[in-house]
Protein backbone atom coordinates (compact mmCIF):
# COMPACT_ATOMS: atom_id res chain seq x y z
CA MET A 1 -11.09 6.11 -10.27
CA PHE A 2 -8.37 4.03 -12.01
CA ALA A 3 -5.53 6.53 -11.00
CA GLY A 4 -6.82 6.32 -7.19
CA PRO A 5 -7.83 8.85 -4.43
CA ILE A 6 -4.76 11.30 -4.59
CA PHE A 7 -5.90 12.27 -8.05
CA SER A 8 -9.46 12.51 -7.23
CA ARG A 9 -8.72 14.90 -4.26
CA GLU A 10 -6.56 17.03 -6.82
CA ALA A 11 -9.32 17.03 -9.49
CA LEU A 12 -11.88 18.35 -6.49
CA THR A 13 -9.51 20.65 -5.05
CA THR A 14 -7.69 22.19 -7.84
CA PRO A 15 -11.24 23.89 -9.43
CA ARG A 16 -11.30 25.45 -5.77
CA GLN A 17 -8.00 27.73 -6.22
CA VAL A 18 -8.09 31.26 -7.62
CA LYS A 19 -4.86 30.35 -9.40
CA HIS A 20 -6.31 27.81 -11.32
CA TYR A 21 -8.62 30.13 -13.25
CA VAL A 22 -5.80 33.00 -13.44
CA MET A 23 -3.47 29.90 -15.18
CA ARG A 24 -5.95 28.68 -17.46
CA ALA A 25 -7.24 32.40 -18.60
CA GLY A 26 -3.62 33.81 -18.64
CA TYR A 27 -2.28 30.89 -20.89
CA VAL A 28 -5.04 31.87 -23.43
CA ALA A 29 -4.64 35.34 -22.99
CA LEU A 30 -1.00 34.47 -23.83
CA LEU A 31 -1.85 32.86 -26.83
CA PHE A 32 -3.89 35.98 -28.31
CA VAL A 33 -0.92 38.21 -27.59
CA LEU A 34 1.42 36.20 -29.71
CA ILE A 35 -1.26 36.08 -32.61
CA TYR A 36 -1.57 40.00 -32.08
CA THR A 37 2.00 40.27 -32.24
CA ILE A 38 2.83 37.98 -35.24
CA GLY A 39 -0.15 39.97 -37.11
CA GLN A 40 1.54 43.21 -35.95
CA ALA A 41 5.11 41.98 -37.27
CA THR A 42 3.74 40.68 -40.51
CA PHE A 43 1.07 43.33 -41.61
CA GLY A 44 2.00 46.31 -39.45
CA TRP A 45 -1.18 48.81 -39.54
CA GLN A 46 -1.97 48.23 -42.83
CA ALA A 47 -5.73 47.05 -43.78
CA VAL A 48 -5.61 43.25 -45.02
CA ARG A 49 -8.35 42.28 -47.53
CA ASN A 50 -6.73 39.47 -49.37
CA VAL A 51 -7.93 35.88 -48.52
CA GLY A 52 -4.66 34.54 -49.45
CA ASP A 53 -3.04 36.72 -46.94
CA PHE A 54 -5.07 35.62 -44.26
CA ALA A 55 -4.16 31.71 -45.28
CA ARG A 56 -0.65 32.74 -45.18
CA PHE A 57 -0.75 34.57 -41.69
CA GLY A 58 -3.16 31.56 -40.41
CA SER A 59 -0.36 28.88 -41.35
CA LEU A 60 2.59 31.17 -39.92
CA VAL A 61 0.71 31.64 -36.93
CA PHE A 62 -0.20 27.93 -36.13
CA GLN A 63 3.16 26.66 -37.03
CA ILE A 64 4.58 29.20 -34.29
CA LEU A 65 2.09 28.44 -31.85
CA SER A 66 2.25 24.64 -32.34
CA VAL A 67 6.23 24.63 -31.80
CA ILE A 68 6.07 27.01 -28.61
CA GLN A 69 3.22 25.03 -27.24
CA LEU A 70 5.02 21.54 -27.59
CA THR A 71 8.16 23.16 -25.95
CA LEU A 72 6.31 24.31 -22.99
CA ILE A 73 4.11 21.15 -22.32
CA LEU A 74 7.60 19.21 -22.41
CA PHE A 75 9.18 21.54 -20.02
CA PHE A 76 6.49 21.80 -17.50
CA SER A 77 5.37 18.26 -17.42
CA LEU A 78 8.90 17.59 -16.84
CA LEU A 79 8.88 20.32 -14.03
CA LEU A 80 5.54 19.36 -12.36
CA ALA A 81 5.71 15.88 -12.30
CA GLY A 82 9.09 15.43 -11.04
CA GLY A 83 8.31 18.40 -8.31
CA GLY A 84 5.29 17.08 -7.08
CA VAL A 85 6.83 13.53 -5.85
CA ALA A 86 10.24 15.47 -4.67
CA GLN A 87 7.98 17.84 -2.42
CA GLU A 88 6.58 14.93 -0.94
CA LYS A 89 9.66 13.64 -0.16
CA ASP A 90 11.33 16.50 1.00
CA ARG A 91 7.80 16.91 3.62
CA GLN A 92 8.59 13.50 4.29
CA THR A 93 4.68 12.63 3.79
CA LEU A 94 5.41 10.16 0.75
CA ILE A 95 6.03 7.45 3.37
CA LEU A 96 2.58 7.64 5.01
CA LEU A 97 1.26 7.36 1.48
CA PHE A 98 3.13 4.15 1.42
CA MET A 99 1.78 2.85 4.90
CA THR A 100 -1.91 3.36 3.34
CA GLU A 101 -3.62 0.71 1.73
CA MET A 102 -3.14 2.40 -1.81
CA HIS A 103 -1.75 0.05 -4.29
CA ASP A 104 1.68 0.87 -6.17
CA ARG A 105 -0.29 1.68 -9.32
CA GLU A 106 -2.74 4.16 -7.58
CA LEU A 107 0.50 6.04 -5.95
CA VAL A 108 2.36 6.19 -9.07
CA LEU A 109 -0.49 7.11 -11.30
CA GLY A 110 -2.26 9.39 -8.77
CA LYS A 111 0.79 11.61 -8.67
CA LEU A 112 1.06 11.38 -12.25
CA PHE A 113 -2.54 12.44 -13.50
CA ALA A 114 -2.42 15.21 -10.19
CA SER A 115 0.85 16.80 -11.48
CA LEU A 116 -0.06 16.86 -15.02
CA LEU A 117 -3.76 18.19 -14.35
CA ASN A 118 -2.72 21.91 -14.63
CA VAL A 119 -0.65 20.91 -18.00
CA GLY A 120 -4.00 19.28 -19.24
CA VAL A 121 -6.12 21.90 -18.40
CA ALA A 122 -3.89 24.51 -20.11
CA LEU A 123 -3.87 22.05 -23.09
CA ALA A 124 -7.93 22.13 -23.25
CA ALA A 125 -8.19 25.86 -22.89
CA SER A 126 -6.08 26.08 -26.24
CA VAL A 127 -8.18 23.96 -28.24
CA PRO A 128 -10.49 27.13 -29.05
CA VAL A 129 -7.56 28.83 -30.14
CA PHE A 130 -6.33 26.61 -32.59
CA SER A 131 -9.67 25.96 -33.52
CA MET A 132 -10.14 29.97 -34.50
CA LEU A 133 -7.00 29.56 -36.72
CA TYR A 134 -8.98 27.24 -38.64
CA LEU A 135 -11.17 30.29 -39.89
CA LEU A 136 -8.41 32.40 -41.14
CA GLY A 137 -7.71 29.45 -43.50
CA GLY A 138 -4.12 27.72 -44.36
CA VAL A 139 -4.98 25.03 -41.64
CA THR A 140 -6.97 21.74 -41.89
CA LEU A 141 -8.98 20.30 -38.75
CA ALA A 142 -6.74 17.41 -39.14
CA GLN A 143 -3.34 19.51 -38.65
CA ILE A 144 -4.93 21.10 -35.29
CA GLY A 145 -6.43 17.73 -34.10
CA TRP A 146 -2.94 15.88 -34.44
CA CYS A 147 -0.94 18.64 -32.69
CA LEU A 148 -3.11 18.40 -29.84
CA ALA A 149 -2.91 14.97 -29.94
CA LEU A 150 0.91 15.21 -29.98
CA CYS A 151 0.89 17.85 -27.23
CA SER A 152 -1.02 15.49 -25.05
CA VAL A 153 1.12 12.26 -25.42
CA THR A 154 4.54 14.00 -25.36
CA SER A 155 2.97 15.46 -21.68
CA LEU A 156 2.35 12.07 -20.74
CA ALA A 157 5.53 10.75 -21.77
CA ALA A 158 7.47 13.63 -20.23
CA GLY A 159 5.65 13.51 -17.01
CA CYS A 160 6.06 9.57 -16.78
CA TRP A 161 9.77 10.51 -16.90
CA GLY A 162 9.91 12.92 -14.49
CA VAL A 163 7.68 10.62 -12.24
CA LEU A 164 10.30 7.82 -12.51
CA VAL A 165 13.15 9.90 -11.73
CA ALA A 166 11.49 11.69 -8.57
CA PHE A 167 10.70 8.42 -6.75
CA TRP A 168 14.16 6.92 -8.09
CA ARG A 169 16.24 9.77 -6.51
CA GLU A 170 16.09 11.33 -3.43
CA LYS A 171 16.97 15.06 -3.58
CA THR A 172 14.89 17.50 -5.37
CA PHE A 173 17.98 19.34 -7.24
CA GLN A 174 18.78 15.64 -8.49
CA THR A 175 15.16 15.23 -9.67
CA ILE A 176 15.05 18.25 -12.08
CA ALA A 177 18.14 18.06 -13.15
CA ILE A 178 18.47 14.55 -14.20
CA SER A 179 14.87 15.00 -15.70
CA VAL A 180 16.07 17.90 -17.91
CA VAL A 181 19.07 16.59 -18.65
CA GLY A 182 17.92 12.98 -19.49
CA ALA A 183 15.00 14.26 -21.71
CA LEU A 184 18.05 16.64 -23.83
CA LEU A 185 19.85 13.53 -24.26
CA TYR A 186 17.05 11.61 -25.26
CA LEU A 187 16.30 13.93 -27.99
CA GLY A 188 19.94 14.12 -28.95
CA GLY A 189 20.28 10.18 -28.57
CA ILE A 190 17.31 9.85 -31.13
CA GLU A 191 18.99 12.54 -33.66
CA ILE A 192 22.26 10.88 -33.62
CA GLY A 193 20.89 7.53 -34.27
CA ILE A 194 18.75 9.30 -37.34
CA GLN A 195 21.93 10.61 -38.48
CA LEU A 196 23.99 7.52 -38.45
CA SER A 197 21.06 5.61 -39.87
CA LYS A 198 21.71 7.88 -42.92
CA HIS A 199 25.25 7.06 -43.13
CA PHE A 200 25.25 3.49 -42.63
CA PRO A 201 23.51 1.28 -44.71
CA ALA A 202 22.85 -1.34 -41.84
CA MET A 203 21.37 0.95 -39.84
CA ALA A 204 18.85 2.17 -42.32
CA VAL A 205 15.86 0.42 -41.23
CA ALA A 206 16.07 1.97 -37.76
CA GLY A 207 15.99 5.56 -39.13
CA PRO A 208 12.18 6.06 -39.88
CA TRP A 209 11.39 3.98 -36.44
CA LEU A 210 13.52 6.46 -34.50
CA GLU A 211 11.88 9.51 -36.07
CA LEU A 212 8.54 8.47 -34.57
CA PHE A 213 9.81 8.78 -31.21
CA ASN A 214 10.98 12.61 -31.38
CA PRO A 215 7.66 14.74 -30.86
CA TYR A 216 9.16 17.58 -32.89
CA ARG A 217 9.78 15.51 -35.99
CA SER A 218 6.38 14.24 -35.97
CA LEU A 219 5.18 17.73 -35.42
CA PHE A 220 6.87 18.94 -38.67
CA ARG A 221 5.41 16.27 -40.51
CA VAL A 222 1.91 17.83 -39.29
CA LEU A 223 2.84 21.28 -40.17
CA ASP A 224 4.28 20.82 -43.60
CA PRO A 225 3.02 17.47 -44.98
CA LEU A 226 3.89 18.29 -48.38
CA ALA A 227 7.62 18.27 -47.65
CA TYR A 228 7.19 14.99 -46.40
CA GLN A 229 4.80 13.82 -49.59
CA THR A 230 6.69 11.12 -51.81
CA ASP A 231 3.98 10.47 -53.99
CA VAL A 232 1.55 12.21 -56.13
CA GLY A 233 -1.90 12.28 -54.93
CA VAL A 234 -3.82 13.54 -51.87
CA VAL A 235 -1.98 14.63 -48.90
CA HIS A 236 -2.54 13.07 -46.11
CA VAL A 237 -2.06 14.73 -42.69
CA THR A 238 -1.53 12.37 -40.04
CA ALA A 239 0.75 11.62 -36.94
CA TRP A 240 -0.79 8.54 -35.56
CA GLN A 241 2.74 6.33 -35.64
CA GLY A 242 4.48 8.83 -33.70
CA VAL A 243 1.23 9.42 -31.09
CA ILE A 244 1.22 5.54 -30.54
CA ALA A 245 5.03 5.41 -30.13
CA LEU A 246 5.00 7.93 -27.56
CA PHE A 247 2.23 6.39 -25.91
CA GLY A 248 3.96 3.04 -25.61
CA LEU A 249 7.18 4.71 -24.39
CA SER A 250 4.95 6.33 -21.80
CA VAL A 251 3.73 2.99 -20.62
CA VAL A 252 7.04 1.32 -20.61
CA LEU A 253 8.03 4.23 -18.21
CA ILE A 254 5.09 3.93 -15.78
CA VAL A 255 5.06 -0.04 -15.62
CA PHE A 256 8.81 0.01 -14.64
CA THR A 257 8.20 2.85 -12.17
CA THR A 258 5.62 0.65 -10.66
CA LEU A 259 7.50 -2.39 -10.37
CA ARG A 260 10.47 -0.60 -9.05
CA LEU A 261 8.57 1.48 -6.63
CA ARG A 262 8.84 -0.85 -3.35
CA VAL A 263 13.01 -1.11 -4.40
CA TRP A 264 13.49 2.73 -4.53
CA TYR A 265 11.36 3.57 -1.89
CA PRO A 266 10.95 3.97 1.46
CA PRO A 267 15.01 4.18 1.53
CA ARG A 268 16.71 1.28 3.77
CA THR A 269 17.92 3.68 5.94
CA VAL A 270 14.45 4.18 7.38
CA PHE A 271 14.27 0.72 8.81
CA GLN A 272 18.01 0.39 9.59
CA PRO A 273 18.50 -0.42 13.47
CA VAL A 274 20.63 1.75 15.72
CA GLU A 275 23.18 -0.26 16.70
CA GLY A 276 24.39 -0.04 20.57
CA LYS A 277 27.71 -0.14 21.95
CA LYS A 278 28.69 -3.94 23.01
CA GLU A 279 29.33 -4.93 26.67
CA GLY A 280 33.11 -3.97 27.34
CA GLU A 281 33.73 -1.68 23.99
CA THR A 282 35.13 1.36 25.13
CA ALA A 283 34.27 4.65 23.39
CA THR A 284 36.23 5.86 20.40
CA SER A 285 36.52 9.36 19.50
CA ALA A 286 34.93 10.39 16.23
CA LYS A 287 36.82 12.12 13.33
CA VAL A 288 36.49 15.76 13.99
CA ARG A 289 35.79 18.35 10.97
CA ASN A 290 36.91 21.68 11.39
CA VAL A 291 33.96 24.18 10.55
CA TRP A 292 34.87 27.26 8.56
CA THR A 293 33.70 30.60 9.66
CA ASN A 294 30.62 30.63 7.49
CA PRO A 295 29.09 27.15 8.49
CA ILE A 296 26.83 27.87 5.44
CA LEU A 297 29.23 27.90 3.10
CA TRP A 298 31.07 24.84 4.64
CA ARG A 299 28.12 22.90 4.45
CA GLU A 300 27.28 23.50 1.06
CA ILE A 301 31.01 22.76 -0.38
CA CYS A 302 32.50 20.21 2.08
CA THR A 303 29.24 17.97 2.45
CA ARG A 304 27.02 16.03 0.46
CA ALA A 305 23.91 18.56 0.91
CA TYR A 306 22.57 17.61 -2.22
CA GLY A 307 22.84 13.91 -2.44
CA ARG A 308 25.74 11.52 -3.70
CA LYS A 309 25.00 11.34 -7.75
CA GLY A 310 25.59 15.00 -8.39
CA ILE A 311 28.70 14.26 -10.40
CA LEU A 312 26.29 12.04 -12.33
CA ILE A 313 24.46 14.96 -13.56
CA LYS A 314 27.80 17.05 -14.48
CA LEU A 315 28.73 14.01 -16.68
CA ALA A 316 25.49 13.95 -18.43
CA PHE A 317 25.85 17.78 -18.84
CA LEU A 318 29.42 17.34 -20.37
CA LEU A 319 27.90 14.42 -22.93
CA ILE A 320 25.43 17.06 -24.00
CA ALA A 321 27.98 19.73 -24.28
CA ALA A 322 30.27 17.14 -26.46
CA LEU A 323 27.49 16.32 -28.84
CA VAL A 324 26.18 20.05 -29.39
CA PHE A 325 30.03 21.23 -29.76
CA GLN A 326 30.74 18.24 -32.37
CA PHE A 327 27.62 19.17 -34.21
CA ALA A 328 28.64 23.18 -34.18
CA ILE A 329 32.09 22.53 -35.62
CA SER A 330 31.34 19.94 -38.24
CA ALA A 331 28.66 22.61 -39.64
CA ASP A 332 29.50 24.88 -42.25
CA GLN A 333 30.54 27.99 -40.25
CA GLY A 334 29.73 30.42 -43.44
CA VAL A 335 26.16 29.17 -43.11
CA LEU A 336 24.44 31.36 -40.44
CA ALA A 337 21.60 29.71 -38.27
CA GLY A 338 18.83 31.95 -39.04
CA GLY A 339 21.05 34.09 -40.52
CA VAL A 340 22.50 36.02 -37.73
CA ILE A 341 24.51 33.51 -35.62
CA THR A 342 27.44 31.06 -36.30
CA PRO A 343 26.93 27.17 -35.72
CA VAL A 344 29.36 27.92 -32.82
CA GLY A 345 27.61 30.75 -31.38
CA LEU A 346 24.34 28.76 -31.43
CA ALA A 347 26.21 26.03 -29.34
CA PHE A 348 27.34 28.71 -27.01
CA VAL A 349 23.49 29.96 -26.52
CA VAL A 350 22.28 26.41 -26.33
CA LEU A 351 24.59 25.38 -23.61
CA SER A 352 24.45 28.75 -21.61
CA PHE A 353 20.74 28.44 -21.09
CA ILE A 354 21.19 24.53 -20.06
CA ALA A 355 23.78 26.06 -17.37
CA LEU A 356 21.29 28.77 -16.45
CA LEU A 357 18.32 26.32 -15.94
CA LEU A 358 20.67 24.01 -13.67
CA VAL A 359 22.17 27.10 -11.84
CA ASN A 360 18.64 28.35 -11.08
CA ALA A 361 17.54 24.98 -9.99
CA GLN A 362 20.33 24.40 -7.64
CA ALA A 363 19.72 27.98 -6.36
CA ALA A 364 15.87 27.55 -6.09
CA THR A 365 15.99 23.69 -4.42
CA SER A 366 18.72 24.92 -1.73
CA LEU A 367 16.21 27.15 -0.10
CA THR A 368 13.06 25.06 -0.42
CA SER A 369 14.91 21.83 0.76
CA GLU A 370 15.69 23.78 3.75
CA ARG A 371 12.03 24.98 4.15
CA ASP A 372 10.70 21.33 3.49
CA ALA A 373 13.37 19.88 6.06
CA LYS A 374 12.21 22.40 8.90
CA THR A 375 15.65 23.72 8.92
CA LEU A 376 15.40 26.93 7.94
CA GLU A 377 13.46 28.15 11.19
CA LEU A 378 16.58 26.36 13.16
CA LEU A 379 19.12 28.39 11.13
CA LEU A 380 17.20 31.63 11.64
CA VAL A 381 17.24 31.19 15.66
CA THR A 382 21.21 30.77 15.80
CA ASP A 383 23.87 33.52 15.85
CA LEU A 384 24.18 33.46 11.91
CA THR A 385 23.73 36.76 10.23
CA ALA A 386 21.42 36.85 7.11
CA ARG A 387 24.57 38.13 5.21
CA GLU A 388 26.34 34.74 6.39
CA PHE A 389 23.47 32.83 5.35
CA LEU A 390 22.58 34.43 1.78
CA PHE A 391 26.45 34.29 0.80
CA GLY A 392 27.08 30.96 2.04
CA LYS A 393 24.15 29.93 -0.09
CA ILE A 394 25.49 31.74 -3.18
CA GLY A 395 28.87 30.69 -2.75
CA GLY A 396 27.68 26.93 -2.43
CA ILE A 397 25.11 27.18 -5.18
CA LEU A 398 28.27 28.71 -7.91
CA TYR A 399 30.85 26.06 -6.56
CA ASN A 400 28.41 23.13 -6.93
CA THR A 401 27.63 24.27 -10.56
CA LYS A 402 31.17 25.54 -11.21
CA GLU A 403 31.41 22.85 -13.99
CA VAL A 404 28.18 23.72 -15.66
CA ILE A 405 29.03 27.56 -15.77
CA VAL A 406 32.83 27.15 -17.06
CA VAL A 407 31.70 24.83 -20.28
CA PRO A 408 30.21 27.87 -22.51
CA LEU A 409 33.16 29.94 -21.39
CA LEU A 410 35.22 27.13 -22.99
CA VAL A 411 33.50 27.23 -26.07
CA ALA A 412 33.78 30.88 -26.34
CA GLY A 413 37.53 30.61 -25.73
CA TRP A 414 38.14 27.96 -28.37
CA SER A 415 36.04 30.39 -30.95
CA VAL A 416 38.32 33.01 -30.29
CA TRP A 417 41.39 30.46 -30.69
CA GLN A 418 40.17 29.81 -34.11
CA GLY A 419 40.00 33.41 -34.98
CA ASN A 420 36.02 33.13 -35.16
CA MET A 421 35.45 35.99 -32.68
CA GLY A 422 37.64 39.06 -31.70
CA VAL A 423 38.82 39.57 -28.37
CA GLU A 424 36.72 42.71 -27.57
CA GLY A 425 33.52 40.92 -28.74
CA THR A 426 34.40 37.66 -26.40
CA ILE A 427 34.89 40.05 -23.47
CA TYR A 428 31.57 41.73 -23.88
CA LEU A 429 30.06 38.01 -24.32
CA VAL A 430 31.52 36.91 -21.16
CA VAL A 431 30.51 39.78 -18.99
CA GLY A 432 26.78 39.47 -20.12
CA TYR A 433 26.85 35.94 -19.46
CA ILE A 434 28.35 36.04 -15.82
CA VAL A 435 25.71 38.56 -15.29
CA LEU A 436 23.02 36.48 -16.44
CA VAL A 437 24.56 33.53 -14.18
CA ALA A 438 24.34 36.12 -11.00
CA PHE A 439 20.54 36.87 -12.02
CA THR A 440 19.64 33.17 -12.46
CA THR A 441 21.09 32.40 -8.93
CA MET A 442 19.45 35.28 -7.26
CA LEU A 443 16.40 34.74 -9.05
CA GLY A 444 16.34 31.09 -7.61
CA LEU A 445 17.13 32.15 -4.22
CA HIS A 446 14.46 35.11 -4.13
CA SER A 447 11.72 32.28 -5.51
CA GLY A 448 12.84 30.35 -2.66
CA LEU A 449 12.37 32.84 -0.19
CA SER A 450 9.25 34.38 -1.54
CA TYR A 451 7.04 31.20 -1.91
CA GLU A 452 5.99 28.79 1.03
CA ASN A 453 4.95 26.07 -1.41
CA SER A 454 8.15 24.09 -2.61
CA ARG A 455 6.68 23.48 -5.96
CA SER A 456 5.32 27.01 -6.46
CA ALA A 457 8.94 28.33 -5.85
CA ILE A 458 10.79 25.88 -8.11
CA ALA A 459 7.85 26.52 -10.94
CA ASN A 460 7.83 30.24 -10.76
CA SER A 461 12.07 30.44 -10.66
CA LEU A 462 12.54 27.91 -13.75
CA GLY A 463 9.51 29.10 -15.54
CA THR A 464 10.58 32.78 -15.30
CA VAL A 465 14.22 31.63 -16.85
CA PHE A 466 12.18 29.63 -19.57
CA PHE A 467 9.94 32.20 -20.52
CA LEU A 468 12.66 35.05 -20.70
CA PHE A 469 14.43 32.74 -22.99
CA VAL A 470 11.38 31.60 -25.16
CA GLY A 471 10.41 35.49 -25.40
CA THR A 472 13.56 36.30 -26.57
CA SER A 473 13.59 33.42 -29.21
CA ILE A 474 10.19 34.87 -30.29
CA PHE A 475 11.47 38.31 -30.36
CA MET A 476 14.46 37.26 -32.84
CA VAL A 477 12.40 35.03 -35.24
CA LEU A 478 9.57 37.71 -35.84
CA LEU A 479 12.53 40.57 -35.79
CA ILE A 480 14.35 38.52 -38.58
CA GLN A 481 11.30 38.33 -40.33
CA THR A 482 10.08 41.68 -40.37
CA ARG A 483 13.42 43.58 -41.23
CA ALA A 484 11.53 46.92 -40.52
CA SER A 485 12.94 49.97 -38.75
CA PHE A 486 12.97 49.82 -35.15
CA PHE A 487 10.05 52.52 -34.39
CA LEU A 488 8.14 50.31 -36.39
CA GLN A 489 9.36 47.19 -34.66
CA PHE A 490 8.81 48.53 -31.40
CA GLN A 491 5.24 49.63 -32.32
CA SER A 492 4.32 45.98 -33.32
CA PHE A 493 5.69 44.34 -30.48
CA ILE A 494 4.67 46.79 -27.56
CA VAL A 495 1.86 44.66 -26.42
CA PHE A 496 3.88 41.72 -25.83
CA ILE A 497 6.51 43.65 -24.06
CA GLY A 498 3.75 45.00 -21.75
CA VAL A 499 2.74 41.63 -21.09
CA GLY A 500 5.80 40.51 -20.56
CA SER A 501 6.52 43.25 -17.82
CA ILE A 502 3.53 42.27 -15.92
CA GLY A 503 4.61 38.47 -15.72
CA LEU A 504 7.79 39.44 -14.48
CA TYR A 505 6.36 41.71 -11.74
CA ALA A 506 4.24 38.92 -10.60
CA SER A 507 7.14 36.81 -10.53
CA LEU A 508 9.23 39.00 -8.75
CA THR A 509 6.93 40.98 -6.41
CA GLN A 510 5.04 37.96 -5.17
CA LYS A 511 5.35 38.63 -1.15
CA ASN A 512 7.52 41.63 -0.57
CA PRO A 513 7.15 44.25 -3.48
CA SER A 514 9.67 46.86 -3.84
CA LEU A 515 10.03 49.96 -6.01
CA ALA A 516 13.26 48.50 -7.47
CA LEU A 517 11.84 45.30 -8.33
CA THR A 518 8.76 46.98 -9.99
CA LEU A 519 11.04 49.16 -11.97
CA SER A 520 13.10 46.13 -12.69
CA ALA A 521 10.11 44.16 -13.85
CA GLY A 522 8.86 47.08 -16.33
CA LEU A 523 12.61 47.80 -17.84
CA LEU A 524 13.90 44.48 -18.34
CA PRO A 525 11.66 43.54 -21.46
CA PHE A 526 12.18 46.59 -23.10
CA LEU A 527 15.97 46.60 -22.55
CA THR A 528 15.71 42.97 -23.72
CA PHE A 529 14.23 44.22 -26.93
CA TYR A 530 16.90 46.77 -27.46
CA ALA A 531 19.48 44.63 -26.77
CA ILE A 532 18.28 42.17 -29.63
CA THR A 533 17.61 45.04 -32.11
CA GLU A 534 21.15 46.30 -31.39
CA TYR A 535 22.63 42.61 -31.96
CA LEU A 536 20.84 42.15 -35.33
CA LEU A 537 22.06 45.74 -36.32
CA GLY A 538 25.84 44.39 -35.34
CA GLY A 539 26.20 46.23 -32.12
CA THR A 540 28.61 44.70 -29.55
CA LEU A 541 29.35 47.11 -26.69
CA GLY A 542 25.75 48.45 -26.49
CA VAL A 543 24.27 45.08 -26.36
CA SER A 544 26.61 43.96 -23.35
CA LEU A 545 25.81 47.37 -21.47
CA VAL A 546 22.23 46.55 -21.81
CA VAL A 547 22.36 43.27 -20.68
CA THR A 548 24.80 44.26 -17.64
CA VAL A 549 22.32 46.95 -16.59
CA GLY A 550 18.87 45.14 -17.42
CA TYR A 551 19.62 41.98 -15.69
CA GLY A 552 22.25 43.39 -12.86
CA PHE A 553 19.88 45.97 -11.58
CA PRO A 554 17.27 43.41 -10.81
CA THR A 555 19.83 40.95 -9.23
CA VAL A 556 20.98 43.71 -6.91
CA ALA A 557 17.31 44.64 -6.25
CA MET A 558 16.77 41.06 -4.99
CA LEU A 559 20.07 40.67 -3.21
CA ILE A 560 20.17 43.71 -1.29
CA PRO A 561 16.68 42.94 0.65
CA ALA A 562 17.37 39.85 1.12
CA ILE A 563 20.48 40.27 3.24
CA SER A 564 18.63 42.09 5.77
CA GLU A 565 17.98 40.71 9.02
CA PHE A 566 14.52 41.82 9.36
CA ASP A 567 13.42 41.03 6.03
CA VAL A 568 14.50 37.47 6.06
CA ALA A 569 13.27 36.63 9.60
CA LEU A 570 10.06 38.11 9.36
CA GLY A 571 9.29 38.74 5.75
CA ARG A 572 10.24 35.75 4.03
CA THR A 573 9.93 32.61 6.17
CA THR A 574 7.39 30.91 8.05
CA LEU A 575 7.79 32.17 11.51
CA ASP A 576 5.39 34.86 10.36
CA LYS A 577 2.76 32.42 10.49
CA GLY A 578 3.56 31.39 14.23
């Protein structure tokens, strides 16, 4: 095949795994749960017989599912494509692939398509679900087709970017962080260029071209073609220009990766000879560095355990923060986003989510890199205690991401200084944010300890954080639309909450289930729902308390078993396979 033996092997072995069918069926089930939840939030228990209501409902569901699917496709394509190559590097098996007779094209395209195989299967499984929306009315087959085409080409472009970064950088954390931050900078840069084209006549020609490279703008044209119709006549639903633009971008990225492959990898240090001592040369004493009482914490803080380019990731995040903050303060503070949050508050939410993703990625890769490098077993046979190991890792994670964690707090402090938020409400906000940082940190470590496969650990950890954010966003959007009583809202969302509990249970109790984690998985979606409704009703202290309890309890439930020596040495490492 054109993609080479790597993709051929993946295509033959993937259908033999049970998780392949679970993932495919689970994604379709998730879409139907969303449809049911939207139906309950829209109609409740009323009997609907009006064709117009069905058509409006079909249009609403199609719009929500399309945006959600495009976001999921974009995120997981970045994660899986970059993680697949990074795992090969960590296990030092990528250099073995370079020693084979495979061409560079086969290596790059093979890893790309093999990583995107599961994403493509999920996208194909969604075709019957979107086709059923056509029966409700309000949606045309052209809209469905172009929506799926945009999702496909966006997945390809995101995967090409993830593979490029993964072959370029050495460390897994750098790969994930640069992939995510780079994608955000790309979308932000496109929007900045579009806005500049509207204010400067010399750049007016560039505006329409830039819009083609933003998949969300192309999707919105498909979802609401009447808003972009400039003349009177038949409405044409098309997105072929956006599809071609993103496909061209994918080709450029993959060609560049293929041409630079032998320059980036294998690294020059693999072939660097060891220089021996010259004749007559006396031995010189090497520089001695004092190691702290906790050597794990010393290594995480005082060495470059995660590569030399961490400062670039932080600078990129600060650039994103500056752009988001500038957009927030330039917006009209009297106009609430969605009718519930100020622009500065929305900036805090966006930056907090990005920060939580980066903290979680740092936590997950801090364990997976140890396992892939075969150093975790060596650490366990030393006199290090499990307490020193875990708290050393936690201290290193928080230290290495301190700039990322502080930025949302600075936004909250600026809001207090401007008088947009009271001191009491800010304290509640900061407490809840700190609890979420602790939760995402421990979740990353928990996934790294629970999963033997690094790619599965990273995908599970980041996927859990991502789905929690997406689920919360869906809650808020639908709750704002319904404006019903709490009891009716709870009835409408009961299935969605239950499915969220099951998914969280599967994520937290992968290897060593416990009663505390089971209780956490069952309560967290319900408490999150209560916190959202309390916030919409104007609550502050209640929201902070629920968030603290809801996310603090699973944090402790993951931490206490992890610091047990028996649990770490026998329950969560590869030693039990010996």
